[in-house]
Amino acid sequence: MSGSTTVSDGKETVVSAPLVEDQNYRQWQTKLLPVSIDVTLHYLQHEFCHVHNNNKKIDALSDVMLRRAYIGKDVFVGPLSEAVWSEYFANRRSSTSVTERIVCDTATRFKDAIARTEALVDPLA
């Protein structure tokens, strides 16, 4: 897929950006969503917060992180807790750039993701 395009309607700049990869089918979505520049900047800030978080973990725990091997239930709990912490940290640190539109769009995507995957998790649903 080629890069994104930029369009302006005179009031705000709109950027077309690809959807994220569909993990169930491991295929890239080809649909494009119109995304305003404030949304783009928020997501950039959010992703840079992940980078910052990883760098701080490396600074504080570099020797532990290189030698870590999960054992027992930690094989499941460890990576999950790291992912949850990473999202919490990035959301908290990037909250200064979030808008109501971003919150509503995220809630809608989350609701849609639940509807798409519910049958895979609970076949009786």
PDB file of N, CA and C in Angstrom:
ATOM      1  N   MET A   1       0.859  -1.175   0.000  1.00  0.00           N
ATOM      2  CA  MET A   1       0.000   0.000   0.000  1.00  0.00           C
ATOM      3  C   MET A   1       0.894   1.223   0.000  1.00  0.00           C
ATOM      4  N   SER A   2       0.538   2.179  -0.783  1.00  0.00           N
ATOM      5  CA  SER A   2       1.353   3.393  -0.863  1.00  0.00           C
ATOM      6  C   SER A   2       1.104   4.281   0.344  1.00  0.00           C
ATOM      7  N   GLY A   3       1.853   5.364   0.440  1.00  0.00           N
ATOM      8  CA  GLY A   3       1.740   6.287   1.561  1.00  0.00           C
ATOM      9  C   GLY A   3       0.385   6.964   1.635  1.00  0.00           C
ATOM     10  N   SER A   4       0.207   7.790   2.636  1.00  0.00           N
ATOM     11  CA  SER A   4      -1.075   8.463   2.824  1.00  0.00           C
ATOM     12  C   SER A   4      -1.136   9.745   1.992  1.00  0.00           C
ATOM     13  N   THR A   5      -2.363  10.211   1.754  1.00  0.00           N
ATOM     14  CA  THR A   5      -2.562  11.441   1.010  1.00  0.00           C
ATOM     15  C   THR A   5      -3.099  12.505   1.943  1.00  0.00           C
ATOM     16  N   THR A   6      -2.858  13.761   1.616  1.00  0.00           N
ATOM     17  CA  THR A   6      -3.331  14.860   2.435  1.00  0.00           C
ATOM     18  C   THR A   6      -4.320  15.699   1.642  1.00  0.00           C
ATOM     19  N   VAL A   7      -5.452  16.024   2.263  1.00  0.00           N
ATOM     20  CA  VAL A   7      -6.498  16.813   1.623  1.00  0.00           C
ATOM     21  C   VAL A   7      -6.914  17.897   2.598  1.00  0.00           C
ATOM     22  N   SER A   8      -7.226  19.085   2.101  1.00  0.00           N
ATOM     23  CA  SER A   8      -7.686  20.166   2.958  1.00  0.00           C
ATOM     24  C   SER A   8      -9.005  20.699   2.426  1.00  0.00           C
ATOM     25  N   ASP A   9      -9.974  20.871   3.348  1.00  0.00           N
ATOM     26  CA  ASP A   9     -11.260  21.438   2.938  1.00  0.00           C
ATOM     27  C   ASP A   9     -11.338  22.922   3.298  1.00  0.00           C
ATOM     28  N   GLY A  10     -10.232  23.524   3.700  1.00  0.00           N
ATOM     29  CA  GLY A  10     -10.200  24.933   4.076  1.00  0.00           C
ATOM     30  C   GLY A  10     -10.364  25.136   5.571  1.00  0.00           C
ATOM     31  N   LYS A  11     -11.041  24.207   6.242  1.00  0.00           N
ATOM     32  CA  LYS A  11     -11.253  24.323   7.687  1.00  0.00           C
ATOM     33  C   LYS A  11     -10.259  23.471   8.457  1.00  0.00           C
ATOM     34  N   GLU A  12     -10.052  22.259   7.978  1.00  0.00           N
ATOM     35  CA  GLU A  12      -9.094  21.397   8.647  1.00  0.00           C
ATOM     36  C   GLU A  12      -8.396  20.530   7.609  1.00  0.00           C
ATOM     37  N   THR A  13      -7.206  20.077   7.950  1.00  0.00           N
ATOM     38  CA  THR A  13      -6.467  19.193   7.073  1.00  0.00           C
ATOM     39  C   THR A  13      -6.883  17.773   7.393  1.00  0.00           C
ATOM     40  N   VAL A  14      -7.138  16.983   6.377  1.00  0.00           N
ATOM     41  CA  VAL A  14      -7.562  15.599   6.563  1.00  0.00           C
ATOM     42  C   VAL A  14      -6.536  14.693   5.915  1.00  0.00           C
ATOM     43  N   VAL A  15      -6.138  13.655   6.633  1.00  0.00           N
ATOM     44  CA  VAL A  15      -5.154  12.706   6.137  1.00  0.00           C
ATOM     45  C   VAL A  15      -5.823  11.355   6.021  1.00  0.00           C
ATOM     46  N   SER A  16      -5.670  10.662   4.913  1.00  0.00           N
ATOM     47  CA  SER A  16      -6.179   9.304   4.762  1.00  0.00           C
ATOM     48  C   SER A  16      -5.111   8.353   5.271  1.00  0.00           C
ATOM     49  N   ALA A  17      -5.476   7.516   6.210  1.00  0.00           N
ATOM     50  CA  ALA A  17      -4.517   6.594   6.806  1.00  0.00           C
ATOM     51  C   ALA A  17      -5.069   5.178   6.758  1.00  0.00           C
ATOM     52  N   PRO A  18      -4.217   4.175   6.549  1.00  0.00           N
ATOM     53  CA  PRO A  18      -4.702   2.793   6.490  1.00  0.00           C
ATOM     54  C   PRO A  18      -5.114   2.289   7.871  1.00  0.00           C
ATOM     55  N   LEU A  19      -6.054   1.368   7.898  1.00  0.00           N
ATOM     56  CA  LEU A  19      -6.437   0.710   9.141  1.00  0.00           C
ATOM     57  C   LEU A  19      -5.311  -0.213   9.584  1.00  0.00           C
ATOM     58  N   VAL A  20      -5.316  -0.592  10.841  1.00  0.00           N
ATOM     59  CA  VAL A  20      -4.305  -1.512  11.337  1.00  0.00           C
ATOM     60  C   VAL A  20      -4.563  -2.919  10.809  1.00  0.00           C
ATOM     61  N   GLU A  21      -3.571  -3.779  10.932  1.00  0.00           N
ATOM     62  CA  GLU A  21      -3.673  -5.139  10.422  1.00  0.00           C
ATOM     63  C   GLU A  21      -4.749  -5.902  11.176  1.00  0.00           C
ATOM     64  N   ASP A  22      -5.568  -6.643  10.477  1.00  0.00           N
ATOM     65  CA  ASP A  22      -6.581  -7.501  11.063  1.00  0.00           C
ATOM     66  C   ASP A  22      -5.872  -8.763  11.548  1.00  0.00           C
ATOM     67  N   GLN A  23      -5.742  -8.933  12.853  1.00  0.00           N
ATOM     68  CA  GLN A  23      -4.982 -10.039  13.419  1.00  0.00           C
ATOM     69  C   GLN A  23      -5.623 -11.396  13.125  1.00  0.00           C
ATOM     70  N   ASN A  24      -6.940 -11.449  12.985  1.00  0.00           N
ATOM     71  CA  ASN A  24      -7.610 -12.721  12.738  1.00  0.00           C
ATOM     72  C   ASN A  24      -7.210 -13.318  11.403  1.00  0.00           C
ATOM     73  N   TYR A  25      -7.091 -12.507  10.378  1.00  0.00           N
ATOM     74  CA  TYR A  25      -6.782 -12.990   9.041  1.00  0.00           C
ATOM     75  C   TYR A  25      -5.374 -12.634   8.600  1.00  0.00           C
ATOM     76  N   ARG A  26      -4.691 -11.838   9.385  1.00  0.00           N
ATOM     77  CA  ARG A  26      -3.337 -11.396   9.098  1.00  0.00           C
ATOM     78  C   ARG A  26      -3.214 -10.811   7.683  1.00  0.00           C
ATOM     79  N   GLN A  27      -4.195  -9.986   7.350  1.00  0.00           N
ATOM     80  CA  GLN A  27      -4.179  -9.294   6.063  1.00  0.00           C
ATOM     81  C   GLN A  27      -4.311  -7.808   6.330  1.00  0.00           C
ATOM     82  N   TRP A  28      -3.674  -7.004   5.516  1.00  0.00           N
ATOM     83  CA  TRP A  28      -3.808  -5.558   5.672  1.00  0.00           C
ATOM     84  C   TRP A  28      -5.135  -5.115   5.090  1.00  0.00           C
ATOM     85  N   GLN A  29      -5.834  -4.268   5.823  1.00  0.00           N
ATOM     86  CA  GLN A  29      -7.078  -3.702   5.316  1.00  0.00           C
ATOM     87  C   GLN A  29      -6.735  -2.688   4.230  1.00  0.00           C
ATOM     88  N   THR A  30      -7.528  -2.642   3.192  1.00  0.00           N
ATOM     89  CA  THR A  30      -7.247  -1.706   2.109  1.00  0.00           C
ATOM     90  C   THR A  30      -8.126  -0.471   2.188  1.00  0.00           C
ATOM     91  N   LYS A  31      -9.066  -0.449   3.121  1.00  0.00           N
ATOM     92  CA  LYS A  31      -9.916   0.721   3.269  1.00  0.00           C
ATOM     93  C   LYS A  31      -9.121   1.861   3.890  1.00  0.00           C
ATOM     94  N   LEU A  32      -9.475   3.078   3.542  1.00  0.00           N
ATOM     95  CA  LEU A  32      -8.827   4.253   4.114  1.00  0.00           C
ATOM     96  C   LEU A  32      -9.833   5.025   4.940  1.00  0.00           C
ATOM     97  N   LEU A  33      -9.385   5.530   6.069  1.00  0.00           N
ATOM     98  CA  LEU A  33     -10.227   6.348   6.937  1.00  0.00           C
ATOM     99  C   LEU A  33      -9.770   7.797   6.863  1.00  0.00           C
ATOM    100  N   PRO A  34     -10.675   8.742   6.745  1.00  0.00           N
ATOM    101  CA  PRO A  34     -10.254  10.140   6.845  1.00  0.00           C
ATOM    102  C   PRO A  34      -9.898  10.462   8.297  1.00  0.00           C
ATOM    103  N   VAL A  35      -8.725  10.989   8.513  1.00  0.00           N
ATOM    104  CA  VAL A  35      -8.258  11.283   9.863  1.00  0.00           C
ATOM    105  C   VAL A  35      -7.752  12.721   9.886  1.00  0.00           C
ATOM    106  N   SER A  36      -8.261  13.534  10.808  1.00  0.00           N
ATOM    107  CA  SER A  36      -7.818  14.923  10.883  1.00  0.00           C
ATOM    108  C   SER A  36      -6.420  15.003  11.500  1.00  0.00           C
ATOM    109  N   ILE A  37      -5.783  16.129  11.339  1.00  0.00           N
ATOM    110  CA  ILE A  37      -4.406  16.294  11.789  1.00  0.00           C
ATOM    111  C   ILE A  37      -4.291  16.169  13.312  1.00  0.00           C
ATOM    112  N   ASP A  38      -5.316  16.576  14.079  1.00  0.00           N
ATOM    113  CA  ASP A  38      -5.243  16.444  15.534  1.00  0.00           C
ATOM    114  C   ASP A  38      -5.228  14.978  15.951  1.00  0.00           C
ATOM    115  N   VAL A  39      -5.949  14.157  15.207  1.00  0.00           N
ATOM    116  CA  VAL A  39      -5.943  12.711  15.489  1.00  0.00           C
ATOM    117  C   VAL A  39      -4.570  12.133  15.160  1.00  0.00           C
ATOM    118  N   THR A  40      -4.023  12.520  14.025  1.00  0.00           N
ATOM    119  CA  THR A  40      -2.701  12.041  13.622  1.00  0.00           C
ATOM    120  C   THR A  40      -1.641  12.424  14.650  1.00  0.00           C
ATOM    121  N   LEU A  41      -1.667  13.658  15.103  1.00  0.00           N
ATOM    122  CA  LEU A  41      -0.691  14.109  16.108  1.00  0.00           C
ATOM    123  C   LEU A  41      -0.858  13.365  17.421  1.00  0.00           C
ATOM    124  N   HIS A  42      -2.101  13.103  17.813  1.00  0.00           N
ATOM    125  CA  HIS A  42      -2.325  12.360  19.054  1.00  0.00           C
ATOM    126  C   HIS A  42      -1.727  10.966  18.943  1.00  0.00           C
ATOM    127  N   TYR A  43      -1.988  10.268  17.835  1.00  0.00           N
ATOM    128  CA  TYR A  43      -1.454   8.914  17.688  1.00  0.00           C
ATOM    129  C   TYR A  43       0.073   8.909  17.601  1.00  0.00           C
ATOM    130  N   LEU A  44       0.659   9.926  16.994  1.00  0.00           N
ATOM    131  CA  LEU A  44       2.113  10.042  17.006  1.00  0.00           C
ATOM    132  C   LEU A  44       2.632  10.197  18.429  1.00  0.00           C
ATOM    133  N   GLN A  45       1.984  11.080  19.200  1.00  0.00           N
ATOM    134  CA  GLN A  45       2.399  11.269  20.585  1.00  0.00           C
ATOM    135  C   GLN A  45       2.251   9.959  21.360  1.00  0.00           C
ATOM    136  N   HIS A  46       1.144   9.261  21.155  1.00  0.00           N
ATOM    137  CA  HIS A  46       0.895   7.995  21.839  1.00  0.00           C
ATOM    138  C   HIS A  46       2.006   6.985  21.523  1.00  0.00           C
ATOM    139  N   GLU A  47       2.359   6.856  20.245  1.00  0.00           N
ATOM    140  CA  GLU A  47       3.393   5.892  19.863  1.00  0.00           C
ATOM    141  C   GLU A  47       4.762   6.299  20.396  1.00  0.00           C
ATOM    142  N   PHE A  48       5.064   7.593  20.409  1.00  0.00           N
ATOM    143  CA  PHE A  48       6.325   8.037  21.004  1.00  0.00           C
ATOM    144  C   PHE A  48       6.359   7.765  22.512  1.00  0.00           C
ATOM    145  N   CYS A  49       5.208   7.760  23.148  1.00  0.00           N
ATOM    146  CA  CYS A  49       5.155   7.401  24.573  1.00  0.00           C
ATOM    147  C   CYS A  49       5.544   5.941  24.785  1.00  0.00           C
ATOM    148  N   HIS A  50       5.169   5.058  23.836  1.00  0.00           N
ATOM    149  CA  HIS A  50       5.621   3.665  23.912  1.00  0.00           C
ATOM    150  C   HIS A  50       7.144   3.598  23.817  1.00  0.00           C
ATOM    151  N   VAL A  51       7.721   4.369  22.902  1.00  0.00           N
ATOM    152  CA  VAL A  51       9.175   4.400  22.749  1.00  0.00           C
ATOM    153  C   VAL A  51       9.829   4.892  24.039  1.00  0.00           C
ATOM    154  N   HIS A  52       9.291   5.965  24.608  1.00  0.00           N
ATOM    155  CA  HIS A  52       9.823   6.520  25.855  1.00  0.00           C
ATOM    156  C   HIS A  52       9.759   5.479  26.978  1.00  0.00           C
ATOM    157  N   ASN A  53       8.625   4.801  27.097  1.00  0.00           N
ATOM    158  CA  ASN A  53       8.443   3.782  28.123  1.00  0.00           C
ATOM    159  C   ASN A  53       9.478   2.666  27.957  1.00  0.00           C
ATOM    160  N   ASN A  54       9.669   2.196  26.735  1.00  0.00           N
ATOM    161  CA  ASN A  54      10.652   1.138  26.493  1.00  0.00           C
ATOM    162  C   ASN A  54      12.064   1.601  26.821  1.00  0.00           C
ATOM    163  N   ASN A  55      12.392   2.831  26.459  1.00  0.00           N
ATOM    164  CA  ASN A  55      13.722   3.352  26.774  1.00  0.00           C
ATOM    165  C   ASN A  55      13.944   3.461  28.275  1.00  0.00           C
ATOM    166  N   LYS A  56      12.925   3.880  29.017  1.00  0.00           N
ATOM    167  CA  LYS A  56      13.056   3.977  30.477  1.00  0.00           C
ATOM    168  C   LYS A  56      13.225   2.597  31.097  1.00  0.00           C
ATOM    169  N   LYS A  57      12.509   1.595  30.574  1.00  0.00           N
ATOM    170  CA  LYS A  57      12.669   0.225  31.078  1.00  0.00           C
ATOM    171  C   LYS A  57      14.076  -0.286  30.792  1.00  0.00           C
ATOM    172  N   ILE A  58      14.595   0.008  29.616  1.00  0.00           N
ATOM    173  CA  ILE A  58      15.948  -0.425  29.269  1.00  0.00           C
ATOM    174  C   ILE A  58      16.964   0.260  30.169  1.00  0.00           C
ATOM    175  N   ASP A  59      16.796   1.567  30.413  1.00  0.00           N
ATOM    176  CA  ASP A  59      17.719   2.291  31.301  1.00  0.00           C
ATOM    177  C   ASP A  59      17.717   1.703  32.711  1.00  0.00           C
ATOM    178  N   ALA A  60      16.533   1.375  33.214  1.00  0.00           N
ATOM    179  CA  ALA A  60      16.416   0.912  34.600  1.00  0.00           C
ATOM    180  C   ALA A  60      16.699  -0.581  34.752  1.00  0.00           C
ATOM    181  N   LEU A  61      16.362  -1.367  33.747  1.00  0.00           N
ATOM    182  CA  LEU A  61      16.416  -2.820  33.912  1.00  0.00           C
ATOM    183  C   LEU A  61      17.125  -3.541  32.774  1.00  0.00           C
ATOM    184  N   SER A  62      18.097  -2.927  32.161  1.00  0.00           N
ATOM    185  CA  SER A  62      18.695  -3.507  30.954  1.00  0.00           C
ATOM    186  C   SER A  62      19.228  -4.918  31.183  1.00  0.00           C
ATOM    187  N   ASP A  63      19.948  -5.147  32.271  1.00  0.00           N
ATOM    188  CA  ASP A  63      20.513  -6.478  32.501  1.00  0.00           C
ATOM    189  C   ASP A  63      19.413  -7.498  32.802  1.00  0.00           C
ATOM    190  N   VAL A  64      18.379  -7.100  33.523  1.00  0.00           N
ATOM    191  CA  VAL A  64      17.272  -8.004  33.839  1.00  0.00           C
ATOM    192  C   VAL A  64      16.474  -8.325  32.585  1.00  0.00           C
ATOM    193  N   MET A  65      16.221  -7.318  31.734  1.00  0.00           N
ATOM    194  CA  MET A  65      15.426  -7.520  30.527  1.00  0.00           C
ATOM    195  C   MET A  65      16.123  -8.470  29.556  1.00  0.00           C
ATOM    196  N   LEU A  66      17.440  -8.438  29.508  1.00  0.00           N
ATOM    197  CA  LEU A  66      18.166  -9.307  28.583  1.00  0.00           C
ATOM    198  C   LEU A  66      18.200 -10.753  29.049  1.00  0.00           C
ATOM    199  N   ARG A  67      18.128 -10.974  30.356  1.00  0.00           N
ATOM    200  CA  ARG A  67      18.223 -12.326  30.905  1.00  0.00           C
ATOM    201  C   ARG A  67      16.871 -12.928  31.277  1.00  0.00           C
ATOM    202  N   ARG A  68      15.786 -12.184  31.102  1.00  0.00           N
ATOM    203  CA  ARG A  68      14.489 -12.624  31.590  1.00  0.00           C
ATOM    204  C   ARG A  68      13.953 -13.792  30.770  1.00  0.00           C
ATOM    205  N   ALA A  69      13.487 -14.814  31.500  1.00  0.00           N
ATOM    206  CA  ALA A  69      12.775 -15.935  30.887  1.00  0.00           C
ATOM    207  C   ALA A  69      11.559 -16.203  31.763  1.00  0.00           C
ATOM    208  N   TYR A  70      10.390 -16.185  31.175  1.00  0.00           N
ATOM    209  CA  TYR A  70       9.179 -16.443  31.941  1.00  0.00           C
ATOM    210  C   TYR A  70       9.038 -17.937  32.193  1.00  0.00           C
ATOM    211  N   ILE A  71       8.619 -18.262  33.424  1.00  0.00           N
ATOM    212  CA  ILE A  71       8.448 -19.652  33.833  1.00  0.00           C
ATOM    213  C   ILE A  71       7.049 -19.818  34.428  1.00  0.00           C
ATOM    214  N   GLY A  72       6.442 -20.955  34.178  1.00  0.00           N
ATOM    215  CA  GLY A  72       5.126 -21.254  34.751  1.00  0.00           C
ATOM    216  C   GLY A  72       4.053 -20.325  34.218  1.00  0.00           C
ATOM    217  N   LYS A  73       3.184 -19.872  35.136  1.00  0.00           N
ATOM    218  CA  LYS A  73       2.076 -19.001  34.725  1.00  0.00           C
ATOM    219  C   LYS A  73       2.566 -17.653  34.198  1.00  0.00           C
ATOM    220  N   ASP A  74       3.795 -17.276  34.553  1.00  0.00           N
ATOM    221  CA  ASP A  74       4.340 -16.013  34.067  1.00  0.00           C
ATOM    222  C   ASP A  74       4.524 -16.000  32.552  1.00  0.00           C
ATOM    223  N   VAL A  75       4.553 -17.191  31.935  1.00  0.00           N
ATOM    224  CA  VAL A  75       4.630 -17.264  30.476  1.00  0.00           C
ATOM    225  C   VAL A  75       3.418 -16.556  29.868  1.00  0.00           C
ATOM    226  N   PHE A  76       2.267 -16.640  30.552  1.00  0.00           N
ATOM    227  CA  PHE A  76       1.052 -15.992  30.069  1.00  0.00           C
ATOM    228  C   PHE A  76       0.854 -14.616  30.696  1.00  0.00           C
ATOM    229  N   VAL A  77       1.089 -14.517  31.989  1.00  0.00           N
ATOM    230  CA  VAL A  77       0.829 -13.280  32.725  1.00  0.00           C
ATOM    231  C   VAL A  77       1.863 -12.199  32.413  1.00  0.00           C
ATOM    232  N   GLY A  78       3.130 -12.573  32.248  1.00  0.00           N
ATOM    233  CA  GLY A  78       4.195 -11.599  32.013  1.00  0.00           C
ATOM    234  C   GLY A  78       3.985 -10.732  30.786  1.00  0.00           C
ATOM    235  N   PRO A  79       3.874 -11.331  29.601  1.00  0.00           N
ATOM    236  CA  PRO A  79       3.666 -10.512  28.401  1.00  0.00           C
ATOM    237  C   PRO A  79       2.353  -9.726  28.440  1.00  0.00           C
ATOM    238  N   LEU A  80       1.313 -10.316  29.018  1.00  0.00           N
ATOM    239  CA  LEU A  80       0.036  -9.610  29.122  1.00  0.00           C
ATOM    240  C   LEU A  80       0.160  -8.384  30.020  1.00  0.00           C
ATOM    241  N   SER A  81       0.833  -8.549  31.160  1.00  0.00           N
ATOM    242  CA  SER A  81       0.987  -7.410  32.065  1.00  0.00           C
ATOM    243  C   SER A  81       1.859  -6.321  31.437  1.00  0.00           C
ATOM    244  N   GLU A  82       2.864  -6.719  30.671  1.00  0.00           N
ATOM    245  CA  GLU A  82       3.697  -5.724  29.984  1.00  0.00           C
ATOM    246  C   GLU A  82       2.893  -4.953  28.950  1.00  0.00           C
ATOM    247  N   ALA A  83       2.040  -5.642  28.212  1.00  0.00           N
ATOM    248  CA  ALA A  83       1.206  -4.982  27.201  1.00  0.00           C
ATOM    249  C   ALA A  83       0.206  -4.030  27.849  1.00  0.00           C
ATOM    250  N   VAL A  84      -0.404  -4.469  28.943  1.00  0.00           N
ATOM    251  CA  VAL A  84      -1.373  -3.616  29.645  1.00  0.00           C
ATOM    252  C   VAL A  84      -0.677  -2.377  30.196  1.00  0.00           C
ATOM    253  N   TRP A  85       0.488  -2.567  30.825  1.00  0.00           N
ATOM    254  CA  TRP A  85       1.220  -1.419  31.356  1.00  0.00           C
ATOM    255  C   TRP A  85       1.610  -0.451  30.232  1.00  0.00           C
ATOM    256  N   SER A  86       2.091  -1.005  29.130  1.00  0.00           N
ATOM    257  CA  SER A  86       2.531  -0.166  28.027  1.00  0.00           C
ATOM    258  C   SER A  86       1.391   0.703  27.496  1.00  0.00           C
ATOM    259  N   GLU A  87       0.215   0.118  27.335  1.00  0.00           N
ATOM    260  CA  GLU A  87      -0.939   0.890  26.851  1.00  0.00           C
ATOM    261  C   GLU A  87      -1.388   1.917  27.894  1.00  0.00           C
ATOM    262  N   TYR A  88      -1.390   1.526  29.172  1.00  0.00           N
ATOM    263  CA  TYR A  88      -1.761   2.471  30.229  1.00  0.00           C
ATOM    264  C   TYR A  88      -0.811   3.672  30.202  1.00  0.00           C
ATOM    265  N   PHE A  89       0.485   3.389  30.170  1.00  0.00           N
ATOM    266  CA  PHE A  89       1.481   4.444  30.194  1.00  0.00           C
ATOM    267  C   PHE A  89       1.318   5.377  28.999  1.00  0.00           C
ATOM    268  N   ALA A  90       1.207   4.793  27.795  1.00  0.00           N
ATOM    269  CA  ALA A  90       1.093   5.610  26.580  1.00  0.00           C
ATOM    270  C   ALA A  90      -0.198   6.428  26.586  1.00  0.00           C
ATOM    271  N   ASN A  91      -1.302   5.822  27.026  1.00  0.00           N
ATOM    272  CA  ASN A  91      -2.563   6.569  27.098  1.00  0.00           C
ATOM    273  C   ASN A  91      -2.485   7.694  28.121  1.00  0.00           C
ATOM    274  N   ARG A  92      -1.909   7.412  29.265  1.00  0.00           N
ATOM    275  CA  ARG A  92      -1.795   8.439  30.309  1.00  0.00           C
ATOM    276  C   ARG A  92      -0.920   9.604  29.858  1.00  0.00           C
ATOM    277  N   ARG A  93       0.256   9.271  29.285  1.00  0.00           N
ATOM    278  CA  ARG A  93       1.192  10.323  28.873  1.00  0.00           C
ATOM    279  C   ARG A  93       0.702  11.115  27.663  1.00  0.00           C
ATOM    280  N   SER A  94      -0.103  10.486  26.796  1.00  0.00           N
ATOM    281  CA  SER A  94      -0.582  11.188  25.604  1.00  0.00           C
ATOM    282  C   SER A  94      -1.965  11.794  25.802  1.00  0.00           C
ATOM    283  N   SER A  95      -2.464  11.751  27.015  1.00  0.00           N
ATOM    284  CA  SER A  95      -3.826  12.251  27.275  1.00  0.00           C
ATOM    285  C   SER A  95      -3.962  13.756  27.032  1.00  0.00           C
ATOM    286  N   THR A  96      -2.856  14.477  27.016  1.00  0.00           N
ATOM    287  CA  THR A  96      -2.933  15.924  26.801  1.00  0.00           C
ATOM    288  C   THR A  96      -3.364  16.275  25.377  1.00  0.00           C
ATOM    289  N   SER A  97      -3.204  15.336  24.435  1.00  0.00           N
ATOM    290  CA  SER A  97      -3.569  15.624  23.049  1.00  0.00           C
ATOM    291  C   SER A  97      -4.852  14.919  22.595  1.00  0.00           C
ATOM    292  N   VAL A  98      -5.477  14.192  23.498  1.00  0.00           N
ATOM    293  CA  VAL A  98      -6.690  13.458  23.113  1.00  0.00           C
ATOM    294  C   VAL A  98      -7.865  14.421  22.967  1.00  0.00           C
ATOM    295  N   THR A  99      -8.745  14.121  22.014  1.00  0.00           N
ATOM    296  CA  THR A  99      -9.949  14.923  21.807  1.00  0.00           C
ATOM    297  C   THR A  99     -11.173  14.026  22.000  1.00  0.00           C
ATOM    298  N   GLU A 100     -12.327  14.642  22.092  1.00  0.00           N
ATOM    299  CA  GLU A 100     -13.558  13.869  22.249  1.00  0.00           C
ATOM    300  C   GLU A 100     -13.769  12.957  21.039  1.00  0.00           C
ATOM    301  N   ARG A 101     -13.423  13.449  19.877  1.00  0.00           N
ATOM    302  CA  ARG A 101     -13.568  12.641  18.658  1.00  0.00           C
ATOM    303  C   ARG A 101     -12.722  11.378  18.734  1.00  0.00           C
ATOM    304  N   ILE A 102     -11.509  11.491  19.226  1.00  0.00           N
ATOM    305  CA  ILE A 102     -10.622  10.334  19.341  1.00  0.00           C
ATOM    306  C   ILE A 102     -11.208   9.320  20.308  1.00  0.00           C
ATOM    307  N   VAL A 103     -11.719   9.786  21.434  1.00  0.00           N
ATOM    308  CA  VAL A 103     -12.315   8.887  22.427  1.00  0.00           C
ATOM    309  C   VAL A 103     -13.513   8.158  21.823  1.00  0.00           C
ATOM    310  N   CYS A 104     -14.382   8.872  21.133  1.00  0.00           N
ATOM    311  CA  CYS A 104     -15.567   8.265  20.515  1.00  0.00           C
ATOM    312  C   CYS A 104     -15.163   7.271  19.429  1.00  0.00           C
ATOM    313  N   ASP A 105     -14.202   7.636  18.585  1.00  0.00           N
ATOM    314  CA  ASP A 105     -13.747   6.734  17.524  1.00  0.00           C
ATOM    315  C   ASP A 105     -13.119   5.467  18.109  1.00  0.00           C
ATOM    316  N   THR A 106     -12.332   5.624  19.157  1.00  0.00           N
ATOM    317  CA  THR A 106     -11.691   4.475  19.790  1.00  0.00           C
ATOM    318  C   THR A 106     -12.739   3.560  20.411  1.00  0.00           C
ATOM    319  N   ALA A 107     -13.719   4.132  21.082  1.00  0.00           N
ATOM    320  CA  ALA A 107     -14.792   3.327  21.681  1.00  0.00           C
ATOM    321  C   ALA A 107     -15.572   2.570  20.616  1.00  0.00           C
ATOM    322  N   THR A 108     -15.814   3.212  19.495  1.00  0.00           N
ATOM    323  CA  THR A 108     -16.540   2.560  18.397  1.00  0.00           C
ATOM    324  C   THR A 108     -15.729   1.406  17.822  1.00  0.00           C
ATOM    325  N   ARG A 109     -14.420   1.633  17.598  1.00  0.00           N
ATOM    326  CA  ARG A 109     -13.568   0.561  17.076  1.00  0.00           C
ATOM    327  C   ARG A 109     -13.481  -0.598  18.059  1.00  0.00           C
ATOM    328  N   PHE A 110     -13.424  -0.295  19.361  1.00  0.00           N
ATOM    329  CA  PHE A 110     -13.361  -1.332  20.380  1.00  0.00           C
ATOM    330  C   PHE A 110     -14.646  -2.156  20.367  1.00  0.00           C
ATOM    331  N   LYS A 111     -15.780  -1.481  20.286  1.00  0.00           N
ATOM    332  CA  LYS A 111     -17.078  -2.167  20.225  1.00  0.00           C
ATOM    333  C   LYS A 111     -17.149  -3.063  18.990  1.00  0.00           C
ATOM    334  N   ASP A 112     -16.700  -2.557  17.853  1.00  0.00           N
ATOM    335  CA  ASP A 112     -16.693  -3.344  16.616  1.00  0.00           C
ATOM    336  C   ASP A 112     -15.757  -4.549  16.733  1.00  0.00           C
ATOM    337  N   ALA A 113     -14.612  -4.367  17.363  1.00  0.00           N
ATOM    338  CA  ALA A 113     -13.663  -5.473  17.531  1.00  0.00           C
ATOM    339  C   ALA A 113     -14.263  -6.570  18.409  1.00  0.00           C
ATOM    340  N   ILE A 114     -14.984  -6.187  19.439  1.00  0.00           N
ATOM    341  CA  ILE A 114     -15.645  -7.178  20.287  1.00  0.00           C
ATOM    342  C   ILE A 114     -16.671  -7.948  19.477  1.00  0.00           C
ATOM    343  N   ALA A 115     -17.475  -7.249  18.700  1.00  0.00           N
ATOM    344  CA  ALA A 115     -18.502  -7.908  17.881  1.00  0.00           C
ATOM    345  C   ALA A 115     -17.871  -8.875  16.875  1.00  0.00           C
ATOM    346  N   ARG A 116     -16.731  -8.485  16.274  1.00  0.00           N
ATOM    347  CA  ARG A 116     -16.068  -9.337  15.275  1.00  0.00           C
ATOM    348  C   ARG A 116     -15.426 -10.569  15.884  1.00  0.00           C
ATOM    349  N   THR A 117     -14.941 -10.462  17.109  1.00  0.00           N
ATOM    350  CA  THR A 117     -14.164 -11.556  17.694  1.00  0.00           C
ATOM    351  C   THR A 117     -14.903 -12.345  18.757  1.00  0.00           C
ATOM    352  N   GLU A 118     -16.067 -11.902  19.152  1.00  0.00           N
ATOM    353  CA  GLU A 118     -16.807 -12.573  20.234  1.00  0.00           C
ATOM    354  C   GLU A 118     -17.041 -14.050  19.930  1.00  0.00           C
ATOM    355  N   ALA A 119     -17.443 -14.382  18.718  1.00  0.00           N
ATOM    356  CA  ALA A 119     -17.707 -15.774  18.359  1.00  0.00           C
ATOM    357  C   ALA A 119     -16.427 -16.611  18.396  1.00  0.00           C
ATOM    358  N   LEU A 120     -15.288 -15.999  18.122  1.00  0.00           N
ATOM    359  CA  LEU A 120     -14.015 -16.738  18.180  1.00  0.00           C
ATOM    360  C   LEU A 120     -13.628 -17.074  19.613  1.00  0.00           C
ATOM    361  N   VAL A 121     -13.983 -16.188  20.542  1.00  0.00           N
ATOM    362  CA  VAL A 121     -13.635 -16.390  21.952  1.00  0.00           C
ATOM    363  C   VAL A 121     -14.673 -17.256  22.642  1.00  0.00           C
ATOM    364  N   ASP A 122     -15.947 -17.005  22.367  1.00  0.00           N
ATOM    365  CA  ASP A 122     -17.051 -17.734  22.989  1.00  0.00           C
ATOM    366  C   ASP A 122     -18.007 -18.208  21.899  1.00  0.00           C
ATOM    367  N   PRO A 123     -17.837 -19.453  21.413  1.00  0.00           N
ATOM    368  CA  PRO A 123     -18.673 -19.943  20.317  1.00  0.00           C
ATOM    369  C   PRO A 123     -20.156 -19.964  20.638  1.00  0.00           C
ATOM    370  N   LEU A 124     -20.534 -19.914  21.908  1.00  0.00           N
ATOM    371  CA  LEU A 124     -21.940 -19.938  22.287  1.00  0.00           C
ATOM    372  C   LEU A 124     -22.567 -18.563  22.294  1.00  0.00           C
ATOM    373  N   ALA A 125     -21.769 -17.531  22.081  1.00  0.00           N
ATOM    374  CA  ALA A 125     -22.280 -16.156  22.125  1.00  0.00           C
ATOM    375  C   ALA A 125     -23.104 -15.814  20.901  1.00  0.00           C
TER     376      ALA A 125
END
